[in-house]
Amino acid sequence: MGLSVEAYQSIEAGESAPTLPQLESLAFFLDVPLEHFWGNQALSTLVSPDPVEQPAQLKELRQRIIGTRLRMARSTLNLSLSELSLKTNIPVDKIQRYEMGQEAIPLPDLELLASTLEIRNEDLFDQRGMIGKWRSDKVTAQNIMDLPPEVRAFISKPVNLPYLELAMRLSDLSAEKLRGVAEGLLEITY
């Protein structure tokens, strides 16, 4: 932000006010919209985490889910624990603990097991919980940022929402129905 620690602490304590460029830098650094600073609601109150998803409980649940996915893949490939152990050089009892969610799987072991069991790493990522939602939001935001600037500008205007909704409905139509719509439009214009 280009501030001394003392100046930053003075702003943080409400003793002095930041300039707009300083506020813009802070918003950029914190990865929040600049408009947030004019709101009256803290970001922490906007997203209320599911009370069930406490960090320790979440980790244990994720371990069990990952272990189950590994066990199912092993079963699908008709591999015994011993065969998987031979292919990965991971002891049978350790694989058993991994599959039961009784032991956290270090990433190198997980990558080796996933590769051996023909599971893509991405298929093991959290899809539904807080972290899964966060990841999905980040991927969506990145996909939007990858669009050409004029497309981003178009989709960011609320007035264009009907066009986007129409495009979504059209994308769900079969090729035959889409041809019918196109023919109807041609008849109208000629």
C-alpha atoms as a PDB file:
ATOM      1  CA  MET A   1       0.000   0.000   0.000  1.00  0.00           C
ATOM      2  CA  GLY A   2       3.012   2.257   0.219  1.00  0.00           C
ATOM      3  CA  LEU A   3       2.410   3.026   3.904  1.00  0.00           C
ATOM      4  CA  SER A   4       4.555   2.790   6.975  1.00  0.00           C
ATOM      5  CA  VAL A   5       3.423   0.347   9.643  1.00  0.00           C
ATOM      6  CA  GLU A   6       2.470   3.284  11.868  1.00  0.00           C
ATOM      7  CA  ALA A   7       0.333   4.908   9.140  1.00  0.00           C
ATOM      8  CA  TYR A   8      -1.380   1.580   8.429  1.00  0.00           C
ATOM      9  CA  GLN A   9      -2.103   1.027  12.128  1.00  0.00           C
ATOM     10  CA  SER A  10      -3.479   4.568  12.379  1.00  0.00           C
ATOM     11  CA  ILE A  11      -5.905   3.860   9.514  1.00  0.00           C
ATOM     12  CA  GLU A  12      -6.809   0.465  10.954  1.00  0.00           C
ATOM     13  CA  ALA A  13      -7.566   2.031  14.344  1.00  0.00           C
ATOM     14  CA  GLY A  14      -9.751   4.684  12.694  1.00  0.00           C
ATOM     15  CA  GLU A  15      -7.442   7.518  13.750  1.00  0.00           C
ATOM     16  CA  SER A  16      -6.855   8.624  10.154  1.00  0.00           C
ATOM     17  CA  ALA A  17      -8.608   7.992   6.861  1.00  0.00           C
ATOM     18  CA  PRO A  18      -7.036   6.273   3.865  1.00  0.00           C
ATOM     19  CA  THR A  19      -6.897   7.841   0.434  1.00  0.00           C
ATOM     20  CA  LEU A  20      -8.785   6.194  -2.417  1.00  0.00           C
ATOM     21  CA  PRO A  21      -5.559   4.834  -3.976  1.00  0.00           C
ATOM     22  CA  GLN A  22      -4.619   3.338  -0.594  1.00  0.00           C
ATOM     23  CA  LEU A  23      -8.074   1.790  -0.279  1.00  0.00           C
ATOM     24  CA  GLU A  24      -7.790   0.410  -3.815  1.00  0.00           C
ATOM     25  CA  SER A  25      -4.435  -1.150  -2.920  1.00  0.00           C
ATOM     26  CA  LEU A  26      -5.900  -2.669   0.227  1.00  0.00           C
ATOM     27  CA  ALA A  27      -8.874  -4.100  -1.689  1.00  0.00           C
ATOM     28  CA  PHE A  28      -6.479  -5.559  -4.254  1.00  0.00           C
ATOM     29  CA  PHE A  29      -4.251  -7.045  -1.546  1.00  0.00           C
ATOM     30  CA  LEU A  30      -7.213  -8.544   0.351  1.00  0.00           C
ATOM     31  CA  ASP A  31      -8.870  -9.714  -2.881  1.00  0.00           C
ATOM     32  CA  VAL A  32     -12.198  -8.065  -2.050  1.00  0.00           C
ATOM     33  CA  PRO A  33     -14.298  -5.736  -4.209  1.00  0.00           C
ATOM     34  CA  LEU A  34     -13.590  -2.058  -3.581  1.00  0.00           C
ATOM     35  CA  GLU A  35     -17.327  -1.551  -3.039  1.00  0.00           C
ATOM     36  CA  HIS A  36     -17.074  -3.701   0.090  1.00  0.00           C
ATOM     37  CA  PHE A  37     -15.603  -0.756   1.969  1.00  0.00           C
ATOM     38  CA  TRP A  38     -18.780   1.267   1.417  1.00  0.00           C
ATOM     39  CA  GLY A  39     -21.035  -1.508   2.659  1.00  0.00           C
ATOM     40  CA  ASN A  40     -22.264  -1.957   6.188  1.00  0.00           C
ATOM     41  CA  GLN A  41     -21.723  -5.691   6.492  1.00  0.00           C
ATOM     42  CA  ALA A  42     -18.478  -7.451   7.361  1.00  0.00           C
ATOM     43  CA  LEU A  43     -17.334 -10.090   4.899  1.00  0.00           C
ATOM     44  CA  SER A  44     -17.267 -12.623   7.725  1.00  0.00           C
ATOM     45  CA  THR A  45     -21.036 -12.217   8.166  1.00  0.00           C
ATOM     46  CA  LEU A  46     -21.758 -12.610   4.458  1.00  0.00           C
ATOM     47  CA  VAL A  47     -20.520 -16.192   4.367  1.00  0.00           C
ATOM     48  CA  SER A  48     -21.624 -18.241   7.319  1.00  0.00           C
ATOM     49  CA  PRO A  49     -19.793 -21.550   7.378  1.00  0.00           C
ATOM     50  CA  ASP A  50     -21.795 -24.676   8.011  1.00  0.00           C
ATOM     51  CA  PRO A  51     -21.400 -25.376  11.749  1.00  0.00           C
ATOM     52  CA  VAL A  52     -20.790 -29.055  10.994  1.00  0.00           C
ATOM     53  CA  GLU A  53     -17.752 -28.192   8.938  1.00  0.00           C
ATOM     54  CA  GLN A  54     -15.261 -27.460  11.661  1.00  0.00           C
ATOM     55  CA  PRO A  55     -11.660 -27.909  10.511  1.00  0.00           C
ATOM     56  CA  ALA A  56     -10.910 -31.103  12.483  1.00  0.00           C
ATOM     57  CA  GLN A  57     -14.243 -32.715  11.602  1.00  0.00           C
ATOM     58  CA  LEU A  58     -13.873 -31.641   7.986  1.00  0.00           C
ATOM     59  CA  LYS A  59     -10.422 -33.226   7.719  1.00  0.00           C
ATOM     60  CA  GLU A  60     -11.642 -36.497   9.234  1.00  0.00           C
ATOM     61  CA  LEU A  61     -14.653 -36.589   6.930  1.00  0.00           C
ATOM     62  CA  ARG A  62     -12.493 -35.832   3.891  1.00  0.00           C
ATOM     63  CA  GLN A  63     -10.048 -38.604   4.895  1.00  0.00           C
ATOM     64  CA  ARG A  64     -12.921 -41.106   5.045  1.00  0.00           C
ATOM     65  CA  ILE A  65     -14.338 -39.940   1.707  1.00  0.00           C
ATOM     66  CA  ILE A  66     -10.940 -40.174   0.013  1.00  0.00           C
ATOM     67  CA  GLY A  67     -10.318 -43.583   1.582  1.00  0.00           C
ATOM     68  CA  THR A  68     -13.686 -44.820   0.347  1.00  0.00           C
ATOM     69  CA  ARG A  69     -12.933 -43.551  -3.172  1.00  0.00           C
ATOM     70  CA  LEU A  70      -9.629 -45.454  -3.121  1.00  0.00           C
ATOM     71  CA  ARG A  71     -11.295 -48.626  -1.851  1.00  0.00           C
ATOM     72  CA  MET A  72     -14.029 -48.407  -4.509  1.00  0.00           C
ATOM     73  CA  ALA A  73     -11.464 -47.901  -7.277  1.00  0.00           C
ATOM     74  CA  ARG A  74      -9.414 -50.837  -6.008  1.00  0.00           C
ATOM     75  CA  SER A  75     -12.546 -52.980  -5.968  1.00  0.00           C
ATOM     76  CA  THR A  76     -13.493 -51.889  -9.503  1.00  0.00           C
ATOM     77  CA  LEU A  77     -10.042 -52.929 -10.731  1.00  0.00           C
ATOM     78  CA  ASN A  78     -10.336 -56.243  -8.830  1.00  0.00           C
ATOM     79  CA  LEU A  79      -7.098 -55.576  -6.962  1.00  0.00           C
ATOM     80  CA  SER A  80      -6.464 -57.091  -3.560  1.00  0.00           C
ATOM     81  CA  LEU A  81      -4.767 -55.089  -0.825  1.00  0.00           C
ATOM     82  CA  SER A  82      -1.656 -57.235  -1.351  1.00  0.00           C
ATOM     83  CA  GLU A  83      -1.588 -56.539  -5.088  1.00  0.00           C
ATOM     84  CA  LEU A  84      -1.975 -52.804  -4.521  1.00  0.00           C
ATOM     85  CA  SER A  85       0.772 -52.952  -1.916  1.00  0.00           C
ATOM     86  CA  LEU A  86       3.092 -54.681  -4.399  1.00  0.00           C
ATOM     87  CA  LYS A  87       2.382 -52.078  -7.084  1.00  0.00           C
ATOM     88  CA  THR A  88       2.894 -49.092  -4.759  1.00  0.00           C
ATOM     89  CA  ASN A  89       5.390 -50.357  -2.150  1.00  0.00           C
ATOM     90  CA  ILE A  90       2.993 -49.113   0.543  1.00  0.00           C
ATOM     91  CA  PRO A  91       2.447 -51.676   3.328  1.00  0.00           C
ATOM     92  CA  VAL A  92      -0.930 -53.454   3.346  1.00  0.00           C
ATOM     93  CA  ASP A  93      -1.812 -52.301   6.874  1.00  0.00           C
ATOM     94  CA  LYS A  94      -1.125 -48.683   5.922  1.00  0.00           C
ATOM     95  CA  ILE A  95      -3.326 -48.945   2.801  1.00  0.00           C
ATOM     96  CA  GLN A  96      -6.050 -50.448   4.991  1.00  0.00           C
ATOM     97  CA  ARG A  97      -5.831 -47.517   7.427  1.00  0.00           C
ATOM     98  CA  TYR A  98      -5.914 -45.081   4.488  1.00  0.00           C
ATOM     99  CA  GLU A  99      -8.988 -46.759   3.004  1.00  0.00           C
ATOM    100  CA  MET A 100     -10.807 -46.712   6.338  1.00  0.00           C
ATOM    101  CA  GLY A 101      -9.996 -43.038   6.883  1.00  0.00           C
ATOM    102  CA  GLN A 102      -8.094 -43.914  10.043  1.00  0.00           C
ATOM    103  CA  GLU A 103      -4.875 -42.280   8.864  1.00  0.00           C
ATOM    104  CA  ALA A 104      -4.311 -39.121   6.860  1.00  0.00           C
ATOM    105  CA  ILE A 105      -2.744 -39.900   3.484  1.00  0.00           C
ATOM    106  CA  PRO A 106       0.413 -37.922   2.714  1.00  0.00           C
ATOM    107  CA  LEU A 107       0.226 -36.378  -0.748  1.00  0.00           C
ATOM    108  CA  PRO A 108       3.006 -38.513  -2.315  1.00  0.00           C
ATOM    109  CA  ASP A 109       1.198 -41.699  -1.193  1.00  0.00           C
ATOM    110  CA  LEU A 110      -2.149 -40.337  -2.395  1.00  0.00           C
ATOM    111  CA  GLU A 111      -0.734 -39.468  -5.817  1.00  0.00           C
ATOM    112  CA  LEU A 112       0.844 -42.916  -6.111  1.00  0.00           C
ATOM    113  CA  LEU A 113      -2.352 -44.701  -5.061  1.00  0.00           C
ATOM    114  CA  ALA A 114      -4.518 -42.538  -7.321  1.00  0.00           C
ATOM    115  CA  SER A 115      -2.248 -43.134 -10.298  1.00  0.00           C
ATOM    116  CA  THR A 116      -2.145 -46.880  -9.675  1.00  0.00           C
ATOM    117  CA  LEU A 117      -5.931 -46.997  -9.238  1.00  0.00           C
ATOM    118  CA  GLU A 118      -6.490 -44.850 -12.361  1.00  0.00           C
ATOM    119  CA  ILE A 119      -8.058 -41.967 -10.437  1.00  0.00           C
ATOM    120  CA  ARG A 120      -7.410 -38.403 -11.539  1.00  0.00           C
ATOM    121  CA  ASN A 121      -6.211 -36.222  -8.654  1.00  0.00           C
ATOM    122  CA  GLU A 122      -8.988 -33.721  -9.469  1.00  0.00           C
ATOM    123  CA  ASP A 123     -11.584 -36.431  -8.848  1.00  0.00           C
ATOM    124  CA  LEU A 124     -10.468 -36.552  -5.217  1.00  0.00           C
ATOM    125  CA  PHE A 125     -10.895 -32.806  -4.634  1.00  0.00           C
ATOM    126  CA  ASP A 126     -13.674 -31.651  -2.319  1.00  0.00           C
ATOM    127  CA  GLN A 127     -16.746 -30.978  -4.463  1.00  0.00           C
ATOM    128  CA  ARG A 128     -19.452 -30.064  -1.932  1.00  0.00           C
ATOM    129  CA  GLY A 129     -18.051 -28.589   1.264  1.00  0.00           C
ATOM    130  CA  MET A 130     -16.766 -25.117   2.094  1.00  0.00           C
ATOM    131  CA  ILE A 131     -13.450 -25.764   0.399  1.00  0.00           C
ATOM    132  CA  GLY A 132     -15.164 -27.292  -2.626  1.00  0.00           C
ATOM    133  CA  LYS A 133     -17.397 -24.234  -2.972  1.00  0.00           C
ATOM    134  CA  TRP A 134     -14.411 -21.918  -2.561  1.00  0.00           C
ATOM    135  CA  ARG A 135     -12.473 -23.853  -5.215  1.00  0.00           C
ATOM    136  CA  SER A 136     -15.456 -23.859  -7.572  1.00  0.00           C
ATOM    137  CA  ASP A 137     -15.869 -20.098  -7.134  1.00  0.00           C
ATOM    138  CA  LYS A 138     -12.172 -19.544  -7.869  1.00  0.00           C
ATOM    139  CA  VAL A 139     -12.323 -21.728 -11.002  1.00  0.00           C
ATOM    140  CA  THR A 140     -15.456 -19.909 -12.190  1.00  0.00           C
ATOM    141  CA  ALA A 141     -13.854 -16.522 -11.567  1.00  0.00           C
ATOM    142  CA  GLN A 142     -10.746 -17.602 -13.473  1.00  0.00           C
ATOM    143  CA  ASN A 143     -12.862 -18.877 -16.372  1.00  0.00           C
ATOM    144  CA  ILE A 144     -14.608 -15.505 -16.523  1.00  0.00           C
ATOM    145  CA  MET A 145     -11.270 -13.698 -16.417  1.00  0.00           C
ATOM    146  CA  ASP A 146     -10.110 -15.832 -19.359  1.00  0.00           C
ATOM    147  CA  LEU A 147     -12.959 -14.485 -21.518  1.00  0.00           C
ATOM    148  CA  PRO A 148     -12.257 -11.607 -23.911  1.00  0.00           C
ATOM    149  CA  PRO A 149     -12.680  -8.203 -22.203  1.00  0.00           C
ATOM    150  CA  GLU A 150     -15.717  -7.245 -24.304  1.00  0.00           C
ATOM    151  CA  VAL A 151     -17.509 -10.484 -23.307  1.00  0.00           C
ATOM    152  CA  ARG A 152     -16.699  -9.885 -19.626  1.00  0.00           C
ATOM    153  CA  ALA A 153     -18.058  -6.350 -19.936  1.00  0.00           C
ATOM    154  CA  PHE A 154     -21.260  -7.661 -21.561  1.00  0.00           C
ATOM    155  CA  ILE A 155     -21.977 -10.351 -18.977  1.00  0.00           C
ATOM    156  CA  SER A 156     -21.214  -8.039 -16.059  1.00  0.00           C
ATOM    157  CA  LYS A 157     -24.074  -5.663 -16.956  1.00  0.00           C
ATOM    158  CA  PRO A 158     -27.351  -6.660 -15.258  1.00  0.00           C
ATOM    159  CA  VAL A 159     -29.315  -5.218 -18.189  1.00  0.00           C
ATOM    160  CA  ASN A 160     -27.890  -8.023 -20.377  1.00  0.00           C
ATOM    161  CA  LEU A 161     -29.202 -10.815 -18.136  1.00  0.00           C
ATOM    162  CA  PRO A 162     -32.179 -11.604 -20.436  1.00  0.00           C
ATOM    163  CA  TYR A 163     -29.772 -12.185 -23.339  1.00  0.00           C
ATOM    164  CA  LEU A 164     -27.673 -14.525 -21.226  1.00  0.00           C
ATOM    165  CA  GLU A 165     -30.757 -16.420 -20.056  1.00  0.00           C
ATOM    166  CA  LEU A 166     -31.920 -16.746 -23.670  1.00  0.00           C
ATOM    167  CA  ALA A 167     -28.498 -18.060 -24.669  1.00  0.00           C
ATOM    168  CA  MET A 168     -28.705 -20.607 -21.847  1.00  0.00           C
ATOM    169  CA  ARG A 169     -32.133 -21.793 -23.008  1.00  0.00           C
ATOM    170  CA  LEU A 170     -30.950 -21.999 -26.620  1.00  0.00           C
ATOM    171  CA  SER A 171     -27.893 -24.019 -25.593  1.00  0.00           C
ATOM    172  CA  ASP A 172     -30.215 -26.636 -24.055  1.00  0.00           C
ATOM    173  CA  LEU A 173     -32.137 -27.149 -27.309  1.00  0.00           C
ATOM    174  CA  SER A 174     -31.413 -30.091 -29.564  1.00  0.00           C
ATOM    175  CA  ALA A 175     -29.928 -29.342 -32.981  1.00  0.00           C
ATOM    176  CA  GLU A 176     -33.299 -30.090 -34.599  1.00  0.00           C
ATOM    177  CA  LYS A 177     -35.216 -27.662 -32.376  1.00  0.00           C
ATOM    178  CA  LEU A 178     -32.514 -25.034 -32.840  1.00  0.00           C
ATOM    179  CA  ARG A 179     -32.856 -25.394 -36.629  1.00  0.00           C
ATOM    180  CA  GLY A 180     -36.604 -24.866 -36.230  1.00  0.00           C
ATOM    181  CA  VAL A 181     -36.014 -21.660 -34.260  1.00  0.00           C
ATOM    182  CA  ALA A 182     -33.549 -20.447 -36.913  1.00  0.00           C
ATOM    183  CA  GLU A 183     -36.032 -21.235 -39.703  1.00  0.00           C
ATOM    184  CA  GLY A 184     -38.732 -19.345 -37.823  1.00  0.00           C
ATOM    185  CA  LEU A 185     -36.454 -16.328 -37.494  1.00  0.00           C
ATOM    186  CA  LEU A 186     -35.677 -16.473 -41.222  1.00  0.00           C
ATOM    187  CA  GLU A 187     -39.381 -16.529 -42.049  1.00  0.00           C
ATOM    188  CA  ILE A 188     -39.949 -13.463 -39.887  1.00  0.00           C
ATOM    189  CA  THR A 189     -37.118 -11.490 -41.501  1.00  0.00           C
ATOM    190  CA  TYR A 190     -38.055 -12.250 -45.138  1.00  0.00           C
END
